[in-house]
Amino acid sequence: MYQDIQDGNAYKKITEKGSFFSIPGNVGFILCCDGVQLFKSSSQSFWPIHLAITSLPPGIRMNAENLILAGAWQGTGKPPMQNILKQVLDKIAQLEPQGVPIESPHFNGTKIVKGKLIMAVFDLPARAGATNFLQFNGNHSCLYCLDKGAHIMHRQVFLPSEQHVPRHSSTLEQHAKEAEDKHKPVMGCKGKSVLSSAIDLTEAVTVDYMHAVLEGISRKLLSFCLDSKNHSCRFYLGRDIEVMDKKIKSIEPPQEFRRSPKSYRSILSVNLIGQYRALNSGKHLNTVHGCYIIAYQF
């Protein structure tokens, strides 16, 4: 069962005996970058770049006190991601051979700790800048396949198909070189990314779980099920909202969830990330599934 990065085959491979990460004290980093508008009436935005340590338990890995602020940018418009990331990546590259001295009672003194970048995660706009790709609404903008995509209802979508051609690092490198020679994008790639010198973009730049799954698919599916506009559809659950709320409030969430379950309509109105994350757990899915069984019995 995959619950964390440490459960993946790629992570297990790089931590095999004799590898860099098999040495006690050596750590892996997850690079995260996202922007926030400083003021509603201003075009100024702030973009911090954080590093999370993969060897920490998932429950505390993303706590503020455990994150490393590796860089930051403030200004108007889009940040020059390639220039910003280069400075951060240069510093991370020094940690692999040299490391830094860390004092800790766990080490009984001072220990040289070395680190290396393992993966990166961005929302779609930031990912385009970091990987030197077209924005998500462009043709061939998918980082993971070579599909052109289709423009449907003012959105760029990649429809399910058995003809998907995966994008690999070798083809991406070729397209980057061709794009730089032609001075125009090739298969969505605008040129070489500084990030490609540290990680494999097609495997180590992951899908943004928070925006794509929690705020995206989870919220959309829940709104479809509860929107009164869909009252004539078989999947509509608005009539069973009281039963669903009673069940969700009776659930004792696992320790990793800090918020207690709320009503389904309140989750939609407030848009709490933690609540959408809880919705993807097995118990909450069983609540919705159970209500569907009740609805389809009549």
C-alpha atoms as a PDB file:
ATOM      1  CA  MET A   1       0.000   0.000   0.000  1.00  0.00           C
ATOM      2  CA  TYR A   2       1.385   3.399  -1.020  1.00  0.00           C
ATOM      3  CA  GLN A   3       1.004   5.978   1.742  1.00  0.00           C
ATOM      4  CA  ASP A   4       4.196   7.976   1.473  1.00  0.00           C
ATOM      5  CA  ILE A   5       7.207   8.654  -0.733  1.00  0.00           C
ATOM      6  CA  GLN A   6       9.156   6.026   1.221  1.00  0.00           C
ATOM      7  CA  ASP A   7       6.749   3.336  -0.014  1.00  0.00           C
ATOM      8  CA  GLY A   8       7.517   3.976  -3.688  1.00  0.00           C
ATOM      9  CA  ASN A   9       9.769   1.761  -5.791  1.00  0.00           C
ATOM     10  CA  ALA A  10      11.885   4.725  -6.916  1.00  0.00           C
ATOM     11  CA  TYR A  11      12.622   5.718  -3.324  1.00  0.00           C
ATOM     12  CA  LYS A  12      13.439   2.145  -2.338  1.00  0.00           C
ATOM     13  CA  LYS A  13      15.846   1.917  -5.257  1.00  0.00           C
ATOM     14  CA  ILE A  14      17.825   5.036  -4.284  1.00  0.00           C
ATOM     15  CA  THR A  15      18.041   3.857  -0.669  1.00  0.00           C
ATOM     16  CA  GLU A  16      19.479   0.431  -1.481  1.00  0.00           C
ATOM     17  CA  LYS A  17      22.582  -0.764   0.327  1.00  0.00           C
ATOM     18  CA  GLY A  18      25.657   1.160  -0.758  1.00  0.00           C
ATOM     19  CA  SER A  19      23.719   4.145  -2.101  1.00  0.00           C
ATOM     20  CA  PHE A  20      23.974   7.750  -0.902  1.00  0.00           C
ATOM     21  CA  PHE A  21      20.794   7.508   1.179  1.00  0.00           C
ATOM     22  CA  SER A  22      21.764   4.214   2.815  1.00  0.00           C
ATOM     23  CA  ILE A  23      24.363   6.118   4.862  1.00  0.00           C
ATOM     24  CA  PRO A  24      22.905   7.177   8.245  1.00  0.00           C
ATOM     25  CA  GLY A  25      22.528  10.943   8.459  1.00  0.00           C
ATOM     26  CA  ASN A  26      22.281  11.586   4.731  1.00  0.00           C
ATOM     27  CA  VAL A  27      18.912  13.173   3.916  1.00  0.00           C
ATOM     28  CA  GLY A  28      16.726  13.707   0.881  1.00  0.00           C
ATOM     29  CA  PHE A  29      14.864  16.904   0.044  1.00  0.00           C
ATOM     30  CA  ILE A  30      11.485  17.654  -1.515  1.00  0.00           C
ATOM     31  CA  LEU A  31      11.467  21.073  -3.168  1.00  0.00           C
ATOM     32  CA  CYS A  32       8.175  22.983  -2.943  1.00  0.00           C
ATOM     33  CA  CYS A  33       7.352  26.381  -4.405  1.00  0.00           C
ATOM     34  CA  ASP A  34       4.085  28.291  -4.624  1.00  0.00           C
ATOM     35  CA  GLY A  35       3.119  31.946  -4.858  1.00  0.00           C
ATOM     36  CA  VAL A  36       0.685  34.081  -2.904  1.00  0.00           C
ATOM     37  CA  GLN A  37      -0.668  37.548  -3.645  1.00  0.00           C
ATOM     38  CA  LEU A  38       0.471  39.896  -0.872  1.00  0.00           C
ATOM     39  CA  PHE A  39      -2.503  42.266  -1.040  1.00  0.00           C
ATOM     40  CA  LYS A  40      -5.851  42.095  -2.807  1.00  0.00           C
ATOM     41  CA  SER A  41      -5.361  45.523  -4.341  1.00  0.00           C
ATOM     42  CA  SER A  42      -1.757  44.887  -5.433  1.00  0.00           C
ATOM     43  CA  SER A  43      -0.066  42.848  -8.149  1.00  0.00           C
ATOM     44  CA  GLN A  44       2.817  42.091  -5.795  1.00  0.00           C
ATOM     45  CA  SER A  45       3.295  38.397  -5.061  1.00  0.00           C
ATOM     46  CA  PHE A  46       5.588  36.417  -2.785  1.00  0.00           C
ATOM     47  CA  TRP A  47       7.115  33.060  -3.765  1.00  0.00           C
ATOM     48  CA  PRO A  48       8.918  31.076  -1.032  1.00  0.00           C
ATOM     49  CA  ILE A  49      10.943  27.975  -1.892  1.00  0.00           C
ATOM     50  CA  HIS A  50      10.863  25.334   0.818  1.00  0.00           C
ATOM     51  CA  LEU A  51      12.720  22.081   1.313  1.00  0.00           C
ATOM     52  CA  ALA A  52      11.088  19.211   3.190  1.00  0.00           C
ATOM     53  CA  ILE A  53      13.201  16.382   4.600  1.00  0.00           C
ATOM     54  CA  THR A  54      12.041  12.954   3.379  1.00  0.00           C
ATOM     55  CA  SER A  55      13.564  11.023   6.273  1.00  0.00           C
ATOM     56  CA  LEU A  56      11.195  12.699   8.733  1.00  0.00           C
ATOM     57  CA  PRO A  57       7.891  10.917   9.478  1.00  0.00           C
ATOM     58  CA  PRO A  58       5.029  12.103   7.229  1.00  0.00           C
ATOM     59  CA  GLY A  59       3.062  13.427  10.206  1.00  0.00           C
ATOM     60  CA  ILE A  60       5.687  16.064  11.053  1.00  0.00           C
ATOM     61  CA  ARG A  61       7.547  16.433   7.758  1.00  0.00           C
ATOM     62  CA  MET A  62       5.574  19.468   6.578  1.00  0.00           C
ATOM     63  CA  ASN A  63       5.379  21.210   9.954  1.00  0.00           C
ATOM     64  CA  ALA A  64       6.669  24.766   9.734  1.00  0.00           C
ATOM     65  CA  GLU A  65       9.479  24.134  12.224  1.00  0.00           C
ATOM     66  CA  ASN A  66      10.791  21.265  10.084  1.00  0.00           C
ATOM     67  CA  LEU A  67      10.800  23.056   6.715  1.00  0.00           C
ATOM     68  CA  ILE A  68      13.890  24.761   5.318  1.00  0.00           C
ATOM     69  CA  LEU A  69      13.367  28.144   3.673  1.00  0.00           C
ATOM     70  CA  ALA A  70      15.803  27.804   0.775  1.00  0.00           C
ATOM     71  CA  GLY A  71      14.865  30.966  -1.121  1.00  0.00           C
ATOM     72  CA  ALA A  72      12.191  33.564  -1.787  1.00  0.00           C
ATOM     73  CA  TRP A  73      11.149  36.012  -4.485  1.00  0.00           C
ATOM     74  CA  GLN A  74       8.887  39.060  -4.325  1.00  0.00           C
ATOM     75  CA  GLY A  75       7.763  41.194  -7.234  1.00  0.00           C
ATOM     76  CA  THR A  76       5.130  41.788  -9.888  1.00  0.00           C
ATOM     77  CA  GLY A  77       4.163  39.300 -12.571  1.00  0.00           C
ATOM     78  CA  LYS A  78       5.648  35.844 -12.863  1.00  0.00           C
ATOM     79  CA  PRO A  79       8.949  35.111 -11.098  1.00  0.00           C
ATOM     80  CA  PRO A  80      12.040  34.155 -13.136  1.00  0.00           C
ATOM     81  CA  MET A  81      11.851  30.550 -11.965  1.00  0.00           C
ATOM     82  CA  GLN A  82      14.940  29.360 -13.825  1.00  0.00           C
ATOM     83  CA  ASN A  83      17.155  32.039 -12.234  1.00  0.00           C
ATOM     84  CA  ILE A  84      15.704  31.535  -8.750  1.00  0.00           C
ATOM     85  CA  LEU A  85      15.943  27.750  -8.848  1.00  0.00           C
ATOM     86  CA  LYS A  86      19.522  27.814 -10.136  1.00  0.00           C
ATOM     87  CA  GLN A  87      20.735  29.589  -7.008  1.00  0.00           C
ATOM     88  CA  VAL A  88      18.874  27.151  -4.751  1.00  0.00           C
ATOM     89  CA  LEU A  89      20.013  24.069  -6.695  1.00  0.00           C
ATOM     90  CA  ASP A  90      23.639  25.243  -6.620  1.00  0.00           C
ATOM     91  CA  LYS A  91      23.478  25.369  -2.821  1.00  0.00           C
ATOM     92  CA  ILE A  92      21.827  21.948  -2.594  1.00  0.00           C
ATOM     93  CA  ALA A  93      24.498  20.501  -4.902  1.00  0.00           C
ATOM     94  CA  GLN A  94      27.164  21.566  -2.403  1.00  0.00           C
ATOM     95  CA  LEU A  95      25.463  19.586   0.345  1.00  0.00           C
ATOM     96  CA  GLU A  96      25.987  16.258  -1.409  1.00  0.00           C
ATOM     97  CA  PRO A  97      29.803  16.150  -1.365  1.00  0.00           C
ATOM     98  CA  GLN A  98      30.518  18.581   1.496  1.00  0.00           C
ATOM     99  CA  GLY A  99      27.547  18.511   3.856  1.00  0.00           C
ATOM    100  CA  VAL A 100      27.103  20.784   6.863  1.00  0.00           C
ATOM    101  CA  PRO A 101      28.103  20.243  10.511  1.00  0.00           C
ATOM    102  CA  ILE A 102      25.071  19.675  12.732  1.00  0.00           C
ATOM    103  CA  GLU A 103      25.173  19.616  16.535  1.00  0.00           C
ATOM    104  CA  SER A 104      22.607  17.375  18.176  1.00  0.00           C
ATOM    105  CA  PRO A 105      22.360  15.239  21.323  1.00  0.00           C
ATOM    106  CA  HIS A 106      21.304  12.388  19.012  1.00  0.00           C
ATOM    107  CA  PHE A 107      24.786  12.508  17.445  1.00  0.00           C
ATOM    108  CA  ASN A 108      26.649  12.810  20.760  1.00  0.00           C
ATOM    109  CA  GLY A 109      28.307  15.919  19.383  1.00  0.00           C
ATOM    110  CA  THR A 110      28.755  17.168  15.832  1.00  0.00           C
ATOM    111  CA  LYS A 111      27.983  15.199  12.668  1.00  0.00           C
ATOM    112  CA  ILE A 112      28.405  16.086   9.000  1.00  0.00           C
ATOM    113  CA  VAL A 113      24.981  15.787   7.371  1.00  0.00           C
ATOM    114  CA  LYS A 114      24.788  15.572   3.592  1.00  0.00           C
ATOM    115  CA  GLY A 115      21.723  16.101   1.452  1.00  0.00           C
ATOM    116  CA  LYS A 116      20.418  15.604  -2.059  1.00  0.00           C
ATOM    117  CA  LEU A 117      17.287  16.644  -3.942  1.00  0.00           C
ATOM    118  CA  ILE A 118      14.888  13.731  -4.566  1.00  0.00           C
ATOM    119  CA  MET A 119      11.727  15.311  -5.953  1.00  0.00           C
ATOM    120  CA  ALA A 120       9.836  18.557  -6.472  1.00  0.00           C
ATOM    121  CA  VAL A 121       6.186  19.591  -6.414  1.00  0.00           C
ATOM    122  CA  PHE A 122       4.544  22.726  -7.828  1.00  0.00           C
ATOM    123  CA  ASP A 123       1.088  23.881  -8.767  1.00  0.00           C
ATOM    124  CA  LEU A 124       0.485  24.030 -12.531  1.00  0.00           C
ATOM    125  CA  PRO A 125       1.571  27.661 -13.190  1.00  0.00           C
ATOM    126  CA  ALA A 126       4.733  27.287 -11.101  1.00  0.00           C
ATOM    127  CA  ARG A 127       5.510  23.889 -12.633  1.00  0.00           C
ATOM    128  CA  ALA A 128       5.521  25.384 -16.124  1.00  0.00           C
ATOM    129  CA  GLY A 129       8.129  27.935 -15.095  1.00  0.00           C
ATOM    130  CA  ALA A 130      10.222  25.449 -13.129  1.00  0.00           C
ATOM    131  CA  THR A 131      10.319  22.848 -15.904  1.00  0.00           C
ATOM    132  CA  ASN A 132      10.537  25.427 -18.725  1.00  0.00           C
ATOM    133  CA  PHE A 133       7.292  24.158 -20.259  1.00  0.00           C
ATOM    134  CA  LEU A 134       4.253  25.745 -21.816  1.00  0.00           C
ATOM    135  CA  GLN A 135       1.489  26.636 -19.375  1.00  0.00           C
ATOM    136  CA  PHE A 136      -1.127  23.965 -18.617  1.00  0.00           C
ATOM    137  CA  ASN A 137      -3.562  25.432 -21.178  1.00  0.00           C
ATOM    138  CA  GLY A 138      -1.185  24.899 -24.118  1.00  0.00           C
ATOM    139  CA  ASN A 139      -0.806  22.023 -26.563  1.00  0.00           C
ATOM    140  CA  HIS A 140       1.537  19.216 -25.417  1.00  0.00           C
ATOM    141  CA  SER A 141       1.676  20.868 -21.981  1.00  0.00           C
ATOM    142  CA  CYS A 142       1.556  17.573 -20.066  1.00  0.00           C
ATOM    143  CA  LEU A 143       4.875  16.760 -18.422  1.00  0.00           C
ATOM    144  CA  TYR A 144       4.149  13.042 -18.323  1.00  0.00           C
ATOM    145  CA  CYS A 145       2.979  12.209 -21.856  1.00  0.00           C
ATOM    146  CA  LEU A 146       3.338  13.407 -25.437  1.00  0.00           C
ATOM    147  CA  ASP A 147      -0.394  13.867 -26.064  1.00  0.00           C
ATOM    148  CA  LYS A 148      -1.408  17.128 -27.696  1.00  0.00           C
ATOM    149  CA  GLY A 149      -4.576  17.392 -25.636  1.00  0.00           C
ATOM    150  CA  ALA A 150      -7.839  19.016 -26.660  1.00  0.00           C
ATOM    151  CA  HIS A 151      -9.423  22.395 -25.974  1.00  0.00           C
ATOM    152  CA  ILE A 152     -12.919  21.715 -24.612  1.00  0.00           C
ATOM    153  CA  MET A 153     -15.205  24.222 -22.869  1.00  0.00           C
ATOM    154  CA  HIS A 154     -12.378  26.779 -22.616  1.00  0.00           C
ATOM    155  CA  ARG A 155     -10.068  24.243 -20.946  1.00  0.00           C
ATOM    156  CA  GLN A 156      -7.111  22.197 -22.100  1.00  0.00           C
ATOM    157  CA  VAL A 157      -7.863  18.565 -21.274  1.00  0.00           C
ATOM    158  CA  PHE A 158      -6.175  15.214 -21.826  1.00  0.00           C
ATOM    159  CA  LEU A 159      -8.910  12.681 -22.414  1.00  0.00           C
ATOM    160  CA  PRO A 160      -8.605   9.002 -21.394  1.00  0.00           C
ATOM    161  CA  SER A 161      -7.085   6.955 -24.167  1.00  0.00           C
ATOM    162  CA  GLU A 162      -5.166   3.746 -24.743  1.00  0.00           C
ATOM    163  CA  GLN A 163      -2.883   5.616 -27.142  1.00  0.00           C
ATOM    164  CA  HIS A 164      -0.998   7.671 -24.548  1.00  0.00           C
ATOM    165  CA  VAL A 165       2.737   7.915 -25.226  1.00  0.00           C
ATOM    166  CA  PRO A 166       4.706   8.432 -21.990  1.00  0.00           C
ATOM    167  CA  ARG A 167       7.285  11.196 -21.922  1.00  0.00           C
ATOM    168  CA  HIS A 168      10.749  10.022 -20.869  1.00  0.00           C
ATOM    169  CA  SER A 169      13.828  11.968 -19.811  1.00  0.00           C
ATOM    170  CA  SER A 170      15.686  11.033 -23.008  1.00  0.00           C
ATOM    171  CA  THR A 171      12.965  12.410 -25.296  1.00  0.00           C
ATOM    172  CA  LEU A 172      12.548  15.453 -23.062  1.00  0.00           C
ATOM    173  CA  GLU A 173      16.264  16.217 -23.350  1.00  0.00           C
ATOM    174  CA  GLN A 174      16.023  15.911 -27.122  1.00  0.00           C
ATOM    175  CA  HIS A 175      13.000  18.227 -27.305  1.00  0.00           C
ATOM    176  CA  ALA A 176      14.705  20.770 -25.041  1.00  0.00           C
ATOM    177  CA  LYS A 177      17.764  20.938 -27.278  1.00  0.00           C
ATOM    178  CA  GLU A 178      15.599  21.196 -30.401  1.00  0.00           C
ATOM    179  CA  ALA A 179      13.518  23.972 -28.828  1.00  0.00           C
ATOM    180  CA  GLU A 180      16.633  25.976 -27.992  1.00  0.00           C
ATOM    181  CA  ASP A 181      17.990  25.523 -31.526  1.00  0.00           C
ATOM    182  CA  LYS A 182      14.692  26.565 -33.141  1.00  0.00           C
ATOM    183  CA  HIS A 183      13.875  29.249 -30.539  1.00  0.00           C
ATOM    184  CA  LYS A 184      10.342  27.916 -30.172  1.00  0.00           C
ATOM    185  CA  PRO A 185       8.590  25.236 -28.088  1.00  0.00           C
ATOM    186  CA  VAL A 186       8.858  21.623 -29.228  1.00  0.00           C
ATOM    187  CA  MET A 187       6.249  19.183 -27.895  1.00  0.00           C
ATOM    188  CA  GLY A 188       5.476  21.655 -25.116  1.00  0.00           C
ATOM    189  CA  CYS A 189       9.112  22.057 -24.040  1.00  0.00           C
ATOM    190  CA  LYS A 190      10.610  25.570 -24.321  1.00  0.00           C
ATOM    191  CA  GLY A 191      14.182  24.526 -23.546  1.00  0.00           C
ATOM    192  CA  LYS A 192      16.373  22.923 -20.912  1.00  0.00           C
ATOM    193  CA  SER A 193      15.359  23.398 -17.293  1.00  0.00           C
ATOM    194  CA  VAL A 194      17.937  23.931 -14.547  1.00  0.00           C
ATOM    195  CA  LEU A 195      15.894  21.454 -12.511  1.00  0.00           C
ATOM    196  CA  SER A 196      16.774  18.658 -14.955  1.00  0.00           C
ATOM    197  CA  SER A 197      20.384  18.761 -13.762  1.00  0.00           C
ATOM    198  CA  ALA A 198      19.255  17.551 -10.321  1.00  0.00           C
ATOM    199  CA  ILE A 199      16.270  15.242 -10.937  1.00  0.00           C
ATOM    200  CA  ASP A 200      14.406  13.437 -13.698  1.00  0.00           C
ATOM    201  CA  LEU A 201      11.555  15.827 -14.518  1.00  0.00           C
ATOM    202  CA  THR A 202       9.228  13.136 -15.863  1.00  0.00           C
ATOM    203  CA  GLU A 203       9.508  10.986 -12.720  1.00  0.00           C
ATOM    204  CA  ALA A 204      10.524  13.236  -9.838  1.00  0.00           C
ATOM    205  CA  VAL A 205       8.231  16.239 -10.452  1.00  0.00           C
ATOM    206  CA  THR A 206       5.021  14.844  -9.024  1.00  0.00           C
ATOM    207  CA  VAL A 207       1.354  15.687  -9.447  1.00  0.00           C
ATOM    208  CA  ASP A 208       0.272  18.465  -7.088  1.00  0.00           C
ATOM    209  CA  TYR A 209      -1.921  16.467  -4.691  1.00  0.00           C
ATOM    210  CA  MET A 210      -3.335  19.459  -2.840  1.00  0.00           C
ATOM    211  CA  HIS A 211      -4.553  21.440  -5.861  1.00  0.00           C
ATOM    212  CA  ALA A 212      -5.196  18.644  -8.367  1.00  0.00           C
ATOM    213  CA  VAL A 213      -6.790  16.027  -6.103  1.00  0.00           C
ATOM    214  CA  LEU A 214      -8.088  17.763  -2.975  1.00  0.00           C
ATOM    215  CA  GLU A 215      -9.142  21.183  -4.299  1.00  0.00           C
ATOM    216  CA  GLY A 216      -9.703  19.790  -7.777  1.00  0.00           C
ATOM    217  CA  ILE A 217     -11.247  16.343  -8.205  1.00  0.00           C
ATOM    218  CA  SER A 218     -12.511  15.858  -4.626  1.00  0.00           C
ATOM    219  CA  ARG A 219     -14.244  19.226  -4.488  1.00  0.00           C
ATOM    220  CA  LYS A 220     -15.687  18.839  -7.989  1.00  0.00           C
ATOM    221  CA  LEU A 221     -17.127  15.372  -7.311  1.00  0.00           C
ATOM    222  CA  LEU A 222     -18.619  16.453  -3.999  1.00  0.00           C
ATOM    223  CA  SER A 223     -20.211  19.536  -5.552  1.00  0.00           C
ATOM    224  CA  PHE A 224     -21.699  17.389  -8.352  1.00  0.00           C
ATOM    225  CA  CYS A 225     -23.253  15.030  -5.798  1.00  0.00           C
ATOM    226  CA  LEU A 226     -24.759  17.798  -3.660  1.00  0.00           C
ATOM    227  CA  ASP A 227     -25.618  20.519  -6.191  1.00  0.00           C
ATOM    228  CA  SER A 228     -29.428  20.832  -6.404  1.00  0.00           C
ATOM    229  CA  LYS A 229     -29.095  21.483 -10.144  1.00  0.00           C
ATOM    230  CA  ASN A 230     -28.420  17.768 -10.456  1.00  0.00           C
ATOM    231  CA  HIS A 231     -31.477  16.698  -8.436  1.00  0.00           C
ATOM    232  CA  SER A 232     -32.836  14.635 -11.339  1.00  0.00           C
ATOM    233  CA  CYS A 233     -29.589  12.656 -11.754  1.00  0.00           C
ATOM    234  CA  ARG A 234     -29.076   9.252 -10.160  1.00  0.00           C
ATOM    235  CA  PHE A 235     -25.836  10.337  -8.496  1.00  0.00           C
ATOM    236  CA  TYR A 236     -27.502  13.254  -6.639  1.00  0.00           C
ATOM    237  CA  LEU A 237     -27.129  12.845  -2.841  1.00  0.00           C
ATOM    238  CA  GLY A 238     -28.666  16.096  -1.629  1.00  0.00           C
ATOM    239  CA  ARG A 239     -31.693  14.241  -0.279  1.00  0.00           C
ATOM    240  CA  ASP A 240     -29.422  12.097   1.907  1.00  0.00           C
ATOM    241  CA  ILE A 241     -27.315  14.937   3.291  1.00  0.00           C
ATOM    242  CA  GLU A 242     -28.589  14.492   6.863  1.00  0.00           C
ATOM    243  CA  VAL A 243     -27.720  10.792   6.838  1.00  0.00           C
ATOM    244  CA  MET A 244     -24.269  11.562   5.438  1.00  0.00           C
ATOM    245  CA  ASP A 245     -23.608  14.317   7.992  1.00  0.00           C
ATOM    246  CA  LYS A 246     -24.655  12.048  10.861  1.00  0.00           C
ATOM    247  CA  LYS A 247     -22.270   9.357   9.676  1.00  0.00           C
ATOM    248  CA  ILE A 248     -19.332  11.670   9.028  1.00  0.00           C
ATOM    249  CA  LYS A 249     -19.635  13.308  12.454  1.00  0.00           C
ATOM    250  CA  SER A 250     -19.614   9.895  14.138  1.00  0.00           C
ATOM    251  CA  ILE A 251     -16.252   9.012  12.622  1.00  0.00           C
ATOM    252  CA  GLU A 252     -13.186   9.216  14.838  1.00  0.00           C
ATOM    253  CA  PRO A 253     -10.448  10.449  12.459  1.00  0.00           C
ATOM    254  CA  PRO A 254      -6.960   8.888  12.509  1.00  0.00           C
ATOM    255  CA  GLN A 255      -4.242  10.730  14.383  1.00  0.00           C
ATOM    256  CA  GLU A 256      -2.794  12.193  11.180  1.00  0.00           C
ATOM    257  CA  PHE A 257      -5.964  14.277  10.644  1.00  0.00           C
ATOM    258  CA  ARG A 258      -5.937  17.319  12.892  1.00  0.00           C
ATOM    259  CA  ARG A 259      -9.497  18.450  12.196  1.00  0.00           C
ATOM    260  CA  SER A 260     -12.612  16.597  13.250  1.00  0.00           C
ATOM    261  CA  PRO A 261     -15.108  15.819  10.475  1.00  0.00           C
ATOM    262  CA  LYS A 262     -17.633  18.528   9.597  1.00  0.00           C
ATOM    263  CA  SER A 263     -20.814  18.481   7.565  1.00  0.00           C
ATOM    264  CA  TYR A 264     -20.438  17.973   3.833  1.00  0.00           C
ATOM    265  CA  ARG A 265     -22.009  21.317   2.903  1.00  0.00           C
ATOM    266  CA  SER A 266     -19.709  23.190   5.283  1.00  0.00           C
ATOM    267  CA  ILE A 267     -16.707  21.538   3.643  1.00  0.00           C
ATOM    268  CA  LEU A 268     -17.827  22.930   0.285  1.00  0.00           C
ATOM    269  CA  SER A 269     -18.507  26.422   1.616  1.00  0.00           C
ATOM    270  CA  VAL A 270     -15.312  26.837   3.660  1.00  0.00           C
ATOM    271  CA  ASN A 271     -12.977  24.864   1.329  1.00  0.00           C
ATOM    272  CA  LEU A 272     -10.694  23.404   4.003  1.00  0.00           C
ATOM    273  CA  ILE A 273      -7.841  21.366   2.565  1.00  0.00           C
ATOM    274  CA  GLY A 274      -7.678  19.147   5.637  1.00  0.00           C
ATOM    275  CA  GLN A 275     -11.322  18.194   5.243  1.00  0.00           C
ATOM    276  CA  TYR A 276     -10.859  17.206   1.583  1.00  0.00           C
ATOM    277  CA  ARG A 277      -7.846  15.170   2.620  1.00  0.00           C
ATOM    278  CA  ALA A 278      -9.993  13.395   5.205  1.00  0.00           C
ATOM    279  CA  LEU A 279     -12.642  12.768   2.549  1.00  0.00           C
ATOM    280  CA  ASN A 280     -10.126  10.682   0.612  1.00  0.00           C
ATOM    281  CA  SER A 281      -9.631   8.332   3.550  1.00  0.00           C
ATOM    282  CA  GLY A 282     -11.372   4.977   3.482  1.00  0.00           C
ATOM    283  CA  LYS A 283     -13.954   5.686   6.198  1.00  0.00           C
ATOM    284  CA  HIS A 284     -15.255   8.837   4.539  1.00  0.00           C
ATOM    285  CA  LEU A 285     -15.451   7.161   1.154  1.00  0.00           C
ATOM    286  CA  ASN A 286     -17.438   4.374   2.761  1.00  0.00           C
ATOM    287  CA  THR A 287     -19.899   6.962   4.063  1.00  0.00           C
ATOM    288  CA  VAL A 288     -20.566   8.284   0.563  1.00  0.00           C
ATOM    289  CA  HIS A 289     -20.620   4.768  -0.897  1.00  0.00           C
ATOM    290  CA  GLY A 290     -23.134   3.682   1.743  1.00  0.00           C
ATOM    291  CA  CYS A 291     -25.448   6.575   0.886  1.00  0.00           C
ATOM    292  CA  TYR A 292     -25.289   5.599  -2.779  1.00  0.00           C
ATOM    293  CA  ILE A 293     -26.369   2.082  -1.852  1.00  0.00           C
ATOM    294  CA  ILE A 294     -29.306   3.508   0.114  1.00  0.00           C
ATOM    295  CA  ALA A 295     -30.275   5.828  -2.746  1.00  0.00           C
ATOM    296  CA  TYR A 296     -30.161   3.082  -5.387  1.00  0.00           C
ATOM    297  CA  GLN A 297     -32.309   0.719  -3.368  1.00  0.00           C
ATOM    298  CA  PHE A 298     -35.387   2.861  -4.049  1.00  0.00           C
END
